[in-house]
Protein backbone atom coordinates (compact mmCIF):
# COMPACT_ATOMS: atom_id res chain seq x y z
CA MET A 1 -61.54 68.66 -55.28
CA PRO A 2 -65.33 68.42 -54.71
CA ARG A 3 -66.75 65.15 -55.96
CA ALA A 4 -69.94 64.46 -57.89
CA TYR A 5 -71.92 61.21 -57.97
CA ILE A 6 -74.10 59.82 -60.74
CA GLY A 7 -77.30 57.87 -60.39
CA VAL A 8 -78.76 55.99 -63.36
CA ASP A 9 -82.39 54.91 -63.23
CA VAL A 10 -83.96 52.55 -65.78
CA GLY A 11 -87.73 52.70 -65.72
CA THR A 12 -90.27 50.99 -67.92
CA THR A 13 -90.12 53.45 -70.83
CA SER A 14 -86.95 55.49 -70.35
CA THR A 15 -83.55 55.80 -68.72
CA ARG A 16 -82.58 58.79 -66.64
CA ALA A 17 -79.27 59.99 -65.24
CA GLY A 18 -78.74 62.46 -62.42
CA VAL A 19 -75.56 64.18 -61.24
CA PHE A 20 -75.41 65.10 -57.53
CA ASP A 21 -72.86 66.73 -55.27
CA GLU A 22 -71.74 65.25 -51.93
CA ALA A 23 -74.62 66.94 -50.09
CA GLY A 24 -77.20 65.37 -52.41
CA THR A 25 -77.91 68.55 -54.38
CA LEU A 26 -79.05 67.78 -57.92
CA LEU A 27 -76.74 69.36 -60.47
CA ALA A 28 -78.19 68.01 -63.71
CA THR A 29 -80.49 65.35 -65.19
CA ALA A 30 -81.08 63.83 -68.61
CA LYS A 31 -83.53 61.32 -70.01
CA HIS A 32 -83.60 58.97 -73.01
CA PRO A 33 -86.42 56.68 -74.22
CA ILE A 34 -86.05 52.91 -74.49
CA ARG A 35 -87.83 50.52 -76.82
CA ILE A 36 -90.59 48.27 -75.58
CA TRP A 37 -92.59 45.59 -77.38
CA HIS A 38 -96.12 44.67 -76.30
CA GLU A 39 -97.64 41.44 -77.63
CA ALA A 40 -100.88 39.58 -77.04
CA GLY A 41 -101.00 37.36 -73.97
CA ASP A 42 -99.50 39.88 -71.54
CA ILE A 43 -96.12 39.75 -73.32
CA VAL A 44 -93.82 42.74 -72.74
CA GLU A 45 -90.21 42.65 -73.93
CA GLN A 46 -87.18 44.92 -74.20
CA SER A 47 -83.57 44.85 -75.39
CA SER A 48 -80.69 44.98 -72.92
CA SER A 49 -78.41 46.47 -75.58
CA ASP A 50 -80.90 49.23 -76.28
CA ILE A 51 -81.23 49.93 -72.55
CA TRP A 52 -77.47 50.18 -72.08
CA GLU A 53 -77.16 52.52 -75.05
CA ALA A 54 -79.91 54.71 -73.58
CA CYS A 55 -78.08 54.74 -70.23
CA ALA A 56 -74.91 55.92 -71.95
CA LYS A 57 -76.73 58.71 -73.77
CA SER A 58 -78.42 59.83 -70.55
CA VAL A 59 -75.15 59.94 -68.61
CA ARG A 60 -73.36 61.85 -71.35
CA ALA A 61 -76.17 64.40 -71.60
CA ALA A 62 -76.37 64.88 -67.82
CA MET A 63 -72.60 65.33 -67.61
CA ALA A 64 -72.73 67.93 -70.37
CA GLU A 65 -75.48 69.83 -68.57
CA ALA A 66 -73.60 69.69 -65.27
CA ALA A 67 -70.46 70.91 -67.08
CA ILE A 68 -68.10 68.84 -64.96
CA ALA A 69 -65.06 66.81 -65.93
CA PRO A 70 -65.16 62.99 -65.88
CA ASP A 71 -62.37 62.83 -63.29
CA SER A 72 -64.55 64.76 -60.82
CA VAL A 73 -67.06 61.87 -60.67
CA GLY A 74 -66.40 59.89 -57.50
CA GLY A 75 -68.81 57.03 -58.18
CA ILE A 76 -71.84 55.81 -60.09
CA GLY A 77 -74.80 53.64 -59.15
CA PHE A 78 -77.57 51.95 -61.13
CA ASP A 79 -81.16 51.02 -60.40
CA ALA A 80 -83.72 49.41 -62.66
CA THR A 81 -87.05 47.66 -62.92
CA CYS A 82 -87.05 44.02 -61.82
CA SER A 83 -86.95 42.69 -65.39
CA LEU A 84 -85.21 39.47 -66.45
CA VAL A 85 -82.20 39.73 -68.79
CA VAL A 86 -80.97 36.63 -70.66
CA LEU A 87 -77.44 36.45 -72.14
CA ASP A 88 -75.38 33.60 -73.58
CA ARG A 89 -72.00 32.50 -72.24
CA GLN A 90 -70.26 35.19 -74.27
CA GLY A 91 -72.53 37.88 -72.87
CA GLU A 92 -74.58 38.26 -76.04
CA PRO A 93 -78.40 38.52 -76.04
CA VAL A 94 -80.55 35.37 -76.06
CA THR A 95 -84.09 35.81 -77.33
CA VAL A 96 -87.06 35.51 -75.00
CA SER A 97 -89.45 36.32 -77.84
CA ALA A 98 -91.65 34.22 -80.10
CA SER A 99 -90.36 36.50 -82.86
CA GLY A 100 -86.92 34.95 -82.52
CA ASP A 101 -85.35 38.42 -82.43
CA ARG A 102 -82.17 38.05 -80.36
CA GLN A 103 -82.30 41.68 -79.33
CA ARG A 104 -85.58 41.05 -77.53
CA ASN A 105 -83.85 39.39 -74.57
CA VAL A 106 -85.57 41.09 -71.62
CA VAL A 107 -88.81 39.86 -70.02
CA VAL A 108 -90.16 43.09 -68.55
CA TRP A 109 -91.40 43.14 -64.94
CA MET A 110 -95.00 43.74 -66.04
CA ASP A 111 -94.97 40.78 -68.46
CA HIS A 112 -97.47 38.25 -67.07
CA ARG A 113 -96.74 35.33 -69.43
CA ALA A 114 -95.71 33.26 -66.41
CA THR A 115 -99.00 33.43 -64.49
CA ALA A 116 -99.53 29.66 -64.82
CA GLU A 117 -95.98 29.00 -63.66
CA ALA A 118 -96.53 31.25 -60.64
CA ARG A 119 -99.57 29.14 -59.73
CA LEU A 120 -97.53 25.94 -60.05
CA ILE A 121 -94.85 27.33 -57.75
CA ASN A 122 -97.43 28.49 -55.22
CA GLU A 123 -99.06 25.05 -55.22
CA THR A 124 -95.83 23.55 -53.83
CA GLY A 125 -96.37 25.40 -50.56
CA ASP A 126 -92.61 25.55 -50.10
CA ALA A 127 -91.35 27.32 -46.99
CA VAL A 128 -89.48 29.85 -49.15
CA LEU A 129 -92.85 31.31 -50.18
CA ARG A 130 -93.30 32.51 -46.62
CA TYR A 131 -90.83 35.26 -47.52
CA VAL A 132 -92.95 36.58 -50.41
CA GLY A 133 -96.14 36.97 -48.41
CA GLY A 134 -97.12 33.35 -49.03
CA SER A 135 -97.62 33.72 -52.77
CA ILE A 136 -95.11 34.34 -55.54
CA SER A 137 -96.00 36.82 -58.30
CA PRO A 138 -95.60 36.35 -62.07
CA GLU A 139 -93.70 39.64 -61.93
CA MET A 140 -90.87 37.85 -60.07
CA GLU A 141 -88.06 35.96 -61.75
CA MET A 142 -88.62 32.30 -60.80
CA PRO A 143 -91.96 32.05 -62.64
CA LYS A 144 -90.34 33.72 -65.67
CA LEU A 145 -87.40 31.31 -65.59
CA LEU A 146 -89.74 28.34 -65.30
CA TRP A 147 -91.75 29.68 -68.24
CA LEU A 148 -88.60 29.89 -70.36
CA LYS A 149 -87.66 26.33 -69.46
CA ARG A 150 -91.13 25.03 -70.32
CA HIS A 151 -91.85 27.10 -73.43
CA MET A 152 -88.49 28.24 -74.88
CA ARG A 153 -86.17 25.43 -73.87
CA ALA A 154 -83.53 26.32 -76.47
CA SER A 155 -83.17 29.82 -75.02
CA PHE A 156 -83.11 28.47 -71.47
CA GLU A 157 -80.30 26.05 -72.36
CA ALA A 158 -78.36 28.61 -74.40
CA ALA A 159 -78.33 31.10 -71.53
CA GLY A 160 -75.02 31.59 -69.77
CA HIS A 161 -76.30 34.35 -67.49
CA PHE A 162 -79.68 35.30 -66.05
CA PHE A 163 -79.60 38.79 -64.58
CA ASP A 164 -82.03 41.09 -62.88
CA LEU A 165 -81.84 44.21 -65.04
CA ALA A 166 -80.11 46.29 -62.36
CA ASP A 167 -77.39 43.65 -61.98
CA TYR A 168 -77.02 43.44 -65.75
CA LEU A 169 -76.18 47.15 -65.77
CA THR A 170 -73.43 46.79 -63.15
CA TRP A 171 -72.06 43.76 -65.02
CA ARG A 172 -72.04 45.77 -68.24
CA ALA A 173 -70.27 48.61 -66.42
CA THR A 174 -67.64 46.55 -64.58
CA GLY A 175 -67.61 42.95 -65.80
CA SER A 176 -68.43 41.81 -62.26
CA LEU A 177 -70.87 38.91 -61.89
CA GLN A 178 -71.68 39.87 -58.31
CA ARG A 179 -75.37 40.37 -57.63
CA SER A 180 -77.04 42.76 -55.23
CA THR A 181 -78.71 41.50 -52.07
CA CYS A 182 -81.64 43.74 -53.00
CA THR A 183 -82.37 42.21 -56.38
CA VAL A 184 -81.92 38.53 -55.58
CA THR A 185 -83.65 38.67 -52.20
CA CYS A 186 -86.66 40.68 -53.36
CA LYS A 187 -87.23 39.08 -56.78
CA TRP A 188 -85.28 35.79 -56.97
CA ASN A 189 -86.20 34.08 -53.66
CA TYR A 190 -82.67 34.29 -52.29
CA LEU A 191 -82.72 33.92 -48.52
CA ALA A 192 -80.40 36.67 -47.33
CA HIS A 193 -81.11 35.92 -43.68
CA ASP A 194 -79.83 32.36 -44.27
CA GLY A 195 -77.06 33.48 -46.60
CA GLY A 196 -77.96 31.32 -49.57
CA TRP A 197 -80.27 29.81 -52.16
CA SER A 198 -82.69 27.03 -51.18
CA ALA A 199 -81.85 23.84 -53.09
CA PRO A 200 -85.09 22.08 -52.00
CA PHE A 201 -87.11 25.01 -53.36
CA PHE A 202 -85.47 24.86 -56.78
CA LYS A 203 -85.93 21.10 -56.98
CA ARG A 204 -89.56 21.32 -55.91
CA ILE A 205 -90.49 23.97 -58.50
CA GLY A 206 -88.77 22.25 -61.44
CA LEU A 207 -85.59 24.34 -61.64
CA SER A 208 -83.07 21.84 -60.24
CA ASP A 209 -80.79 22.88 -63.14
CA PHE A 210 -79.58 25.76 -61.00
CA VAL A 211 -78.73 23.48 -58.09
CA SER A 212 -76.71 21.07 -60.21
CA GLU A 213 -74.72 23.91 -61.75
CA LYS A 214 -74.17 25.47 -58.30
CA TYR A 215 -76.16 28.60 -59.19
CA ALA A 216 -73.52 29.77 -61.66
CA ARG A 217 -76.07 31.35 -64.01
CA ILE A 218 -78.03 33.23 -61.36
CA GLY A 219 -75.34 34.36 -58.92
CA THR A 220 -72.75 32.80 -56.66
CA GLU A 221 -71.54 35.95 -54.92
CA ILE A 222 -74.17 38.21 -53.39
CA VAL A 223 -73.12 41.61 -51.99
CA ALA A 224 -74.78 44.53 -50.23
CA PRO A 225 -76.02 47.49 -52.29
CA GLY A 226 -73.27 50.07 -52.66
CA THR A 227 -70.46 47.50 -52.48
CA ARG A 228 -67.68 48.52 -54.87
CA LEU A 229 -67.68 46.12 -57.82
CA GLY A 230 -64.53 44.94 -59.56
CA GLU A 231 -62.04 47.62 -60.55
CA GLY A 232 -64.76 50.13 -61.34
CA LEU A 233 -65.76 51.11 -64.87
CA THR A 234 -64.02 49.10 -67.57
CA ARG A 235 -62.32 51.03 -70.35
CA ALA A 236 -65.08 50.08 -72.77
CA ALA A 237 -67.89 51.09 -70.42
CA ALA A 238 -66.13 54.33 -69.47
CA ALA A 239 -65.78 55.26 -73.13
CA GLU A 240 -69.47 54.60 -73.73
CA LEU A 241 -70.58 56.58 -70.68
CA GLY A 242 -68.11 59.42 -71.18
CA LEU A 243 -66.50 58.81 -67.78
CA SER A 244 -63.05 57.82 -66.54
CA PRO A 245 -61.94 54.16 -66.42
CA GLY A 246 -61.89 52.88 -62.85
CA THR A 247 -64.71 55.14 -61.65
CA PRO A 248 -66.21 53.26 -58.65
CA VAL A 249 -69.49 51.44 -59.32
CA GLY A 250 -71.78 50.38 -56.47
CA ALA A 251 -73.85 47.21 -56.37
CA SER A 252 -77.36 48.00 -57.58
CA LEU A 253 -80.89 48.49 -56.29
CA ILE A 254 -84.33 47.86 -57.77
CA ASP A 255 -85.76 51.20 -58.94
CA ALA A 256 -88.42 51.59 -56.24
CA HIS A 257 -85.91 50.58 -53.57
CA ALA A 258 -83.52 53.27 -54.81
CA GLY A 259 -86.41 55.68 -54.30
CA GLY A 260 -86.84 54.32 -50.79
CA ILE A 261 -83.17 54.85 -49.98
CA GLY A 262 -83.35 58.35 -51.42
CA ALA A 263 -86.42 59.22 -49.35
CA ILE A 264 -86.89 57.57 -45.97
CA GLY A 265 -83.62 58.42 -44.24
CA GLY A 266 -83.77 62.14 -44.90
CA ARG A 267 -83.08 64.76 -42.23
CA ASP A 268 -86.21 66.38 -40.78
CA GLY A 269 -86.48 70.01 -39.82
CA GLY A 270 -87.12 69.05 -36.21
CA GLY A 271 -83.64 67.58 -35.82
CA GLY A 272 -82.83 64.46 -33.86
CA ALA A 273 -82.14 60.94 -35.01
CA THR A 274 -84.12 59.51 -37.93
CA ASP A 275 -86.21 56.41 -37.25
CA VAL A 276 -86.54 54.71 -40.63
CA GLY A 277 -88.86 52.17 -39.01
CA ASP A 278 -91.47 54.90 -38.52
CA ARG A 279 -91.38 55.92 -42.18
CA LEU A 280 -93.24 54.31 -45.03
CA ALA A 281 -91.93 54.80 -48.57
CA TYR A 282 -94.48 55.08 -51.37
CA ILE A 283 -92.72 55.18 -54.74
CA MET A 284 -95.21 55.82 -57.53
CA GLY A 285 -94.38 55.33 -61.18
CA THR A 286 -95.88 53.04 -63.83
CA SER A 287 -96.48 50.75 -60.86
CA ALA A 288 -96.19 51.64 -57.17
CA CYS A 289 -94.21 50.15 -54.30
CA ILE A 290 -95.15 50.55 -50.64
CA MET A 291 -92.15 49.76 -48.46
CA ALA A 292 -91.69 49.56 -44.71
CA THR A 293 -88.63 48.60 -42.66
CA THR A 294 -88.58 46.81 -39.32
CA LYS A 295 -85.88 45.59 -36.95
CA GLU A 296 -87.52 42.18 -36.61
CA PRO A 297 -89.23 40.16 -39.39
CA CYS A 298 -92.98 40.69 -39.76
CA PHE A 299 -94.94 38.27 -41.93
CA VAL A 300 -97.82 39.98 -43.73
CA PRO A 301 -100.00 37.72 -45.92
CA GLY A 302 -100.20 38.99 -49.49
CA VAL A 303 -97.28 41.40 -49.00
CA TRP A 304 -93.82 40.57 -50.35
CA GLY A 305 -91.18 39.91 -47.74
CA PRO A 306 -90.00 40.09 -45.11
CA TYR A 307 -86.68 40.51 -46.90
CA TYR A 308 -83.54 40.81 -44.78
CA SER A 309 -81.43 43.78 -45.96
CA GLY A 310 -83.69 44.06 -48.99
CA MET A 311 -83.43 47.85 -48.94
CA VAL A 312 -81.87 49.30 -45.77
CA PRO A 313 -78.93 47.16 -44.56
CA ASP A 314 -79.67 45.11 -41.43
CA PHE A 315 -83.39 45.94 -41.52
CA TRP A 316 -86.20 43.72 -42.75
CA LEU A 317 -88.28 45.01 -45.64
CA ASN A 318 -91.97 44.47 -46.29
CA GLU A 319 -92.93 45.43 -49.83
CA GLY A 320 -96.50 46.00 -50.85
CA GLY A 321 -97.33 47.16 -54.31
CA GLN A 322 -99.80 48.18 -56.98
CA SER A 323 -99.11 46.64 -60.38
CA ALA A 324 -100.73 49.57 -62.15
CA ALA A 325 -100.48 53.06 -60.64
CA GLY A 326 -99.33 55.72 -63.09
CA ALA A 327 -100.20 53.29 -65.88
CA ALA A 328 -103.75 52.99 -64.55
CA ILE A 329 -104.27 56.77 -64.46
CA ASP A 330 -102.80 57.17 -67.96
CA HIS A 331 -105.10 54.45 -69.29
CA LEU A 332 -108.17 56.00 -67.67
CA LEU A 333 -107.44 59.40 -69.20
CA LYS A 334 -106.61 58.08 -72.67
CA SER A 335 -109.83 56.07 -72.72
CA HIS A 336 -112.02 59.12 -72.04
CA PRO A 337 -113.67 60.97 -74.97
CA GLY A 338 -112.36 64.28 -73.63
CA HIS A 339 -108.72 63.24 -73.88
CA ALA A 340 -107.95 64.94 -77.21
CA GLU A 341 -109.58 68.22 -76.17
CA ALA A 342 -107.85 68.28 -72.79
CA SER A 343 -104.47 67.35 -74.26
CA ALA A 344 -104.71 70.17 -76.81
CA ALA A 345 -105.62 72.66 -74.08
CA ALA A 346 -102.71 71.48 -71.94
CA ARG A 347 -100.29 71.93 -74.84
CA SER A 348 -101.57 75.43 -75.47
CA GLU A 349 -100.80 76.31 -71.85
CA GLY A 350 -97.37 74.68 -71.98
CA VAL A 351 -98.06 72.07 -69.28
CA ASP A 352 -98.62 68.32 -69.26
CA LEU A 353 -102.11 66.87 -69.11
CA ILE A 354 -102.00 65.90 -65.43
CA GLU A 355 -100.93 69.38 -64.34
CA TYR A 356 -103.60 70.96 -66.55
CA LEU A 357 -106.35 68.83 -65.02
CA GLU A 358 -105.06 69.34 -61.51
CA ARG A 359 -105.06 73.12 -61.82
CA ARG A 360 -108.67 73.10 -63.01
CA ILE A 361 -109.77 70.64 -60.33
CA ILE A 362 -108.24 72.53 -57.40
CA ALA A 363 -109.59 75.82 -58.72
CA ARG A 364 -113.09 74.34 -58.81
CA ALA A 365 -112.85 72.58 -55.45
CA GLY A 366 -111.08 75.31 -53.50
CA ASP A 367 -108.38 73.05 -52.08
CA ALA A 368 -106.72 69.69 -52.74
CA SER A 369 -108.53 67.92 -49.91
CA ARG A 370 -112.07 68.83 -51.05
CA ALA A 371 -111.20 68.03 -54.67
CA ALA A 372 -112.09 64.39 -53.95
CA LEU A 373 -115.75 65.46 -53.73
CA LEU A 374 -115.75 65.68 -57.53
CA ALA A 375 -115.67 61.87 -57.56
CA ARG A 376 -118.69 61.44 -55.31
CA ASP A 377 -120.61 59.42 -57.92
CA VAL A 378 -117.77 57.84 -59.93
CA HIS A 379 -115.86 54.89 -58.48
CA VAL A 380 -112.81 53.05 -59.80
CA LEU A 381 -111.07 49.81 -58.85
CA PRO A 382 -107.93 50.59 -60.93
CA GLU A 383 -106.40 47.11 -61.05
CA PHE A 384 -105.96 46.71 -64.80
CA ILE A 385 -103.19 44.09 -64.52
CA GLY A 386 -103.97 42.41 -61.22
CA ASN A 387 -103.60 42.98 -57.51
CA ARG A 388 -100.08 42.73 -56.17
CA SER A 389 -100.98 43.42 -52.51
CA PRO A 390 -102.55 42.52 -50.17
CA TYR A 391 -104.59 39.94 -52.14
CA ALA A 392 -101.81 38.63 -54.43
CA ASP A 393 -104.34 38.05 -57.21
CA PRO A 394 -102.86 38.60 -60.69
CA ASP A 395 -106.26 37.91 -62.31
CA THR A 396 -107.99 40.95 -60.75
CA ARG A 397 -109.17 43.46 -63.34
CA ALA A 398 -110.42 47.03 -63.21
CA VAL A 399 -114.04 47.92 -62.48
CA ILE A 400 -115.56 51.38 -63.06
CA ALA A 401 -118.98 52.44 -61.80
CA GLY A 402 -120.98 55.63 -62.26
CA LEU A 403 -120.07 56.61 -65.82
CA ASP A 404 -122.55 58.67 -67.84
CA LEU A 405 -122.54 59.97 -71.41
CA ASP A 406 -120.77 63.24 -70.58
CA SER A 407 -117.70 63.58 -72.78
CA ASP A 408 -116.38 67.01 -71.78
CA VAL A 409 -113.25 67.81 -69.79
CA GLY A 410 -115.28 68.13 -66.60
CA ALA A 411 -116.32 64.48 -66.86
CA MET A 412 -112.69 63.56 -67.49
CA GLU A 413 -111.71 65.39 -64.31
CA ARG A 414 -114.22 63.38 -62.30
CA LEU A 415 -112.82 60.13 -63.69
CA PHE A 416 -109.27 61.29 -62.96
CA VAL A 417 -110.07 62.07 -59.32
CA ALA A 418 -111.97 58.78 -58.97
CA GLY A 419 -108.92 56.92 -60.25
CA LEU A 420 -106.67 58.67 -57.72
CA CYS A 421 -109.12 57.76 -54.96
CA GLY A 422 -109.05 54.13 -56.11
CA LEU A 423 -105.25 54.06 -55.90
CA ALA A 424 -105.42 55.63 -52.44
CA TYR A 425 -107.88 53.01 -51.23
CA GLY A 426 -105.63 50.23 -52.48
CA LEU A 427 -102.74 51.88 -50.65
CA ALA A 428 -104.83 52.07 -47.48
CA GLU A 429 -105.57 48.34 -47.69
CA VAL A 430 -101.84 47.59 -47.74
CA ILE A 431 -101.13 49.93 -44.83
CA GLU A 432 -103.90 48.29 -42.81
CA ALA A 433 -102.49 44.84 -43.61
CA PHE A 434 -99.09 46.08 -42.42
CA ALA A 435 -100.53 47.39 -39.15
CA ALA A 436 -102.45 44.17 -38.47
CA HIS A 437 -99.15 42.28 -38.47
CA GLY A 438 -96.97 44.63 -36.48
CA VAL A 439 -95.68 47.06 -39.13
CA HIS A 440 -96.53 50.62 -38.04
CA SER A 441 -95.66 54.00 -39.55
CA SER A 442 -96.74 57.57 -38.82
CA ILE A 443 -95.32 59.30 -41.86
CA MET A 444 -95.26 58.34 -45.54
CA ILE A 445 -92.54 59.65 -47.84
CA MET A 446 -93.67 59.80 -51.46
CA GLY A 447 -91.36 59.56 -54.44
CA GLY A 448 -91.78 59.21 -58.19
CA GLY A 449 -93.27 61.58 -60.73
CA ALA A 450 -96.79 61.62 -59.27
CA SER A 451 -95.47 62.59 -55.84
CA ARG A 452 -94.95 66.16 -57.08
CA SER A 453 -98.73 66.52 -57.35
CA PRO A 454 -100.37 68.26 -54.34
CA LEU A 455 -103.68 66.61 -55.31
CA VAL A 456 -102.19 63.09 -55.25
CA ARG A 457 -100.40 63.67 -51.95
CA GLN A 458 -103.45 65.12 -50.24
CA ILE A 459 -105.81 62.35 -51.34
CA MET A 460 -103.28 59.79 -50.07
CA ALA A 461 -102.98 61.60 -46.74
CA ASP A 462 -106.73 62.03 -46.30
CA THR A 463 -107.37 58.37 -47.06
CA THR A 464 -104.62 56.76 -44.98
CA GLY A 465 -104.53 59.16 -42.05
CA LEU A 466 -100.75 59.42 -42.38
CA THR A 467 -98.76 62.61 -42.80
CA VAL A 468 -97.40 62.59 -46.36
CA ALA A 469 -94.01 64.21 -46.95
CA LEU A 470 -91.89 64.84 -49.99
CA PRO A 471 -88.17 64.28 -50.09
CA GLN A 472 -86.35 67.58 -50.41
CA THR A 473 -84.91 66.43 -53.72
CA LYS A 474 -87.28 66.19 -56.64
CA GLU A 475 -85.42 63.08 -57.81
CA PRO A 476 -85.26 60.58 -54.89
CA VAL A 477 -84.85 57.55 -57.16
CA LEU A 478 -81.86 59.07 -58.93
CA LEU A 479 -80.48 60.23 -55.59
CA GLY A 480 -80.79 56.70 -54.18
CA ALA A 481 -78.82 55.36 -57.14
CA ALA A 482 -76.19 58.09 -56.74
CA MET A 483 -75.87 57.15 -53.05
CA LEU A 484 -74.66 53.72 -54.21
CA GLY A 485 -71.87 55.44 -56.09
CA ALA A 486 -71.05 57.58 -53.06
CA VAL A 487 -70.67 54.49 -50.86
CA ALA A 488 -68.65 52.64 -53.52
CA GLY A 489 -66.40 55.69 -53.91
CA GLY A 490 -65.75 55.92 -50.18
CA ALA A 491 -67.40 59.31 -49.60
CA TYR A 492 -69.51 57.68 -46.88
CA ALA A 493 -69.03 54.46 -44.97
CA SER A 494 -72.52 53.02 -45.32
CA ILE A 495 -75.95 53.43 -46.89
CA GLY A 496 -77.24 54.60 -43.49
CA GLU A 497 -74.66 57.38 -43.25
CA THR A 498 -75.24 58.35 -46.86
CA MET A 499 -79.01 58.71 -46.34
CA ALA A 500 -78.41 61.02 -43.37
CA LYS A 501 -75.88 63.16 -45.23
CA MET A 502 -77.36 63.38 -48.73
CA SER A 503 -81.14 63.56 -48.17
CA ALA A 504 -83.69 65.60 -46.25
CA LEU A 505 -87.47 65.87 -45.97
CA GLY A 506 -89.39 68.67 -47.66
CA ARG A 507 -93.02 69.76 -47.84
CA LYS A 508 -95.70 67.89 -45.86
CA SER A 509 -99.39 67.39 -46.51
CA GLU A 510 -102.04 69.75 -45.16
CA PRO A 511 -104.53 68.70 -42.47
CA THR A 512 -107.54 66.82 -43.79
CA ALA A 513 -110.47 69.14 -44.52
CA PRO A 514 -113.52 68.68 -42.24
CA GLY A 515 -115.74 65.81 -43.33
CA MET A 516 -113.31 64.39 -45.86
CA ALA A 517 -112.20 61.40 -43.77
CA ALA A 518 -115.85 60.32 -43.51
CA PHE A 519 -116.34 60.91 -47.24
CA HIS A 520 -113.43 58.62 -48.10
CA ALA A 521 -114.69 56.00 -45.66
CA ARG A 522 -118.00 55.90 -47.57
CA LYS A 523 -116.25 55.69 -50.93
CA ARG A 524 -114.08 52.87 -49.62
CA GLU A 525 -117.24 50.87 -48.98
CA VAL A 526 -118.11 51.25 -52.68
CA TYR A 527 -114.54 50.30 -53.57
CA LYS A 528 -114.98 47.06 -51.61
CA LEU A 529 -118.21 46.37 -53.51
CA LEU A 530 -116.35 46.78 -56.81
CA ARG A 531 -113.80 44.22 -55.67
CA GLU A 532 -116.63 41.81 -54.88
CA VAL A 533 -118.08 42.43 -58.36
CA ASP A 534 -114.72 41.61 -59.94
CA ARG A 535 -114.28 38.42 -57.95
CA GLY A 536 -117.89 37.36 -58.38
CA SER A 537 -117.93 37.93 -62.12
CA ARG A 538 -114.76 35.88 -62.63
CA GLU A 539 -116.14 33.09 -60.50
CA ALA A 540 -119.45 33.11 -62.37
CA MET A 541 -117.73 32.84 -65.73
CA ARG A 542 -115.46 30.04 -64.53
CA GLU A 543 -118.50 28.09 -63.37
CA GLY A 544 -120.24 28.64 -66.68
CA ALA A 545 -117.23 27.93 -68.88
CA GLY A 546 -118.42 24.44 -69.73
CA GLY A 547 -121.93 25.35 -70.69
């Protein structure tokens, strides 16, 4: 009987489920929103119970759309944002919120409450930091855990389990406390190449609690993504998901890394063996991840990693990123006076706002490459919540230059294109940092919602000089998660084999229009000036704080 495989993806605002066949063909998808609380002071929280419930609803809906029986599902895999989940010893939620609400037990990846703790950890200069580009981010879990210990000691002590969200989902599905190499290596400072946690690091940063308890609350058994966990779905989890008890469950991936797995190993039309080391993955959602794999470790200042087996087994991963990507574009558009008019026009045409703007822009410009000319006089440094790479500066903020009093949709289009250019220039800085330290790629595979945009892909290609390709599937993140289920279920022997069998490359970017490379080079000079303005203004205000 043909088998199907399910991938479950938990993003920042919703859960999604996808059902795939053994060849990686998408059979059905479904989506369900999740709650999120934003508070002053860069506080962003969620509920693990709410997230699990949304996962269950998404899986049930996708299964109904696919019209397949539960016993035809050969495996399921989960991916999620790198958010911190806190549970007590009985597996019940422990609050991380000043509200005291127990359901608010997830510190979301984009929560920057632990910026001071990240600085304290970085000041230790511990050798472990070499494997996060020399500087830990407040988006990672150790600063968050240190924040909890310092500011919510009762919750820290009451916790029986600290999970990365993706590992929470596999625990909820199977009861297994095993953690994924991907999650703990990339976000918890686990040293996969050494096969363990660093006791001196924990003691130096003020978290010796974990050493004395032999890491029981953060993970004592670390396994490769796709490893079959426990006895598969428990009866309770199977009932909630609408699947059969015992359905194989694979160890998890971080969401962007699932997108990487679903994208970079795909078959190319030219045939021949796939060299994942020549392919860069750019997974663009609320934030963006820029991921490259190498056979040997490459140390790139300001870029996370190198992580051994952090994404592709037996390869080292370097992970650049942009803390605000889709979120930056959404914020730019919502802040423009033309937003209401453009949104109404998009609704009347039955498309979303981005597609509406893109159609108008390409029609005016003639092609996607020359569309960037609309942003000749508007410039954006779109770093609303800091720079993740290559400067590792969480205090960076956005700068916009060239605004006038125009409030029509045309002015909104110019701002939109300028924002895309700003994201592309940040991407180019990461790629150049990679290359300067031995990480080279000739092709970039884009995933995430924005990757479906010809305008986005072309601006990225024109700016970086790389060929930009789409995965053949429109859902590489869900496919990557489903691949975990396929490995756990025994359909394929390894992640590497699964990538070759279940994924392929699709459309590639067009050649850069004449003169556009030089145009982007000039705009990048302005972009650098905006970064200097941001740094200089912060420095000036720090110097004047006392007077």
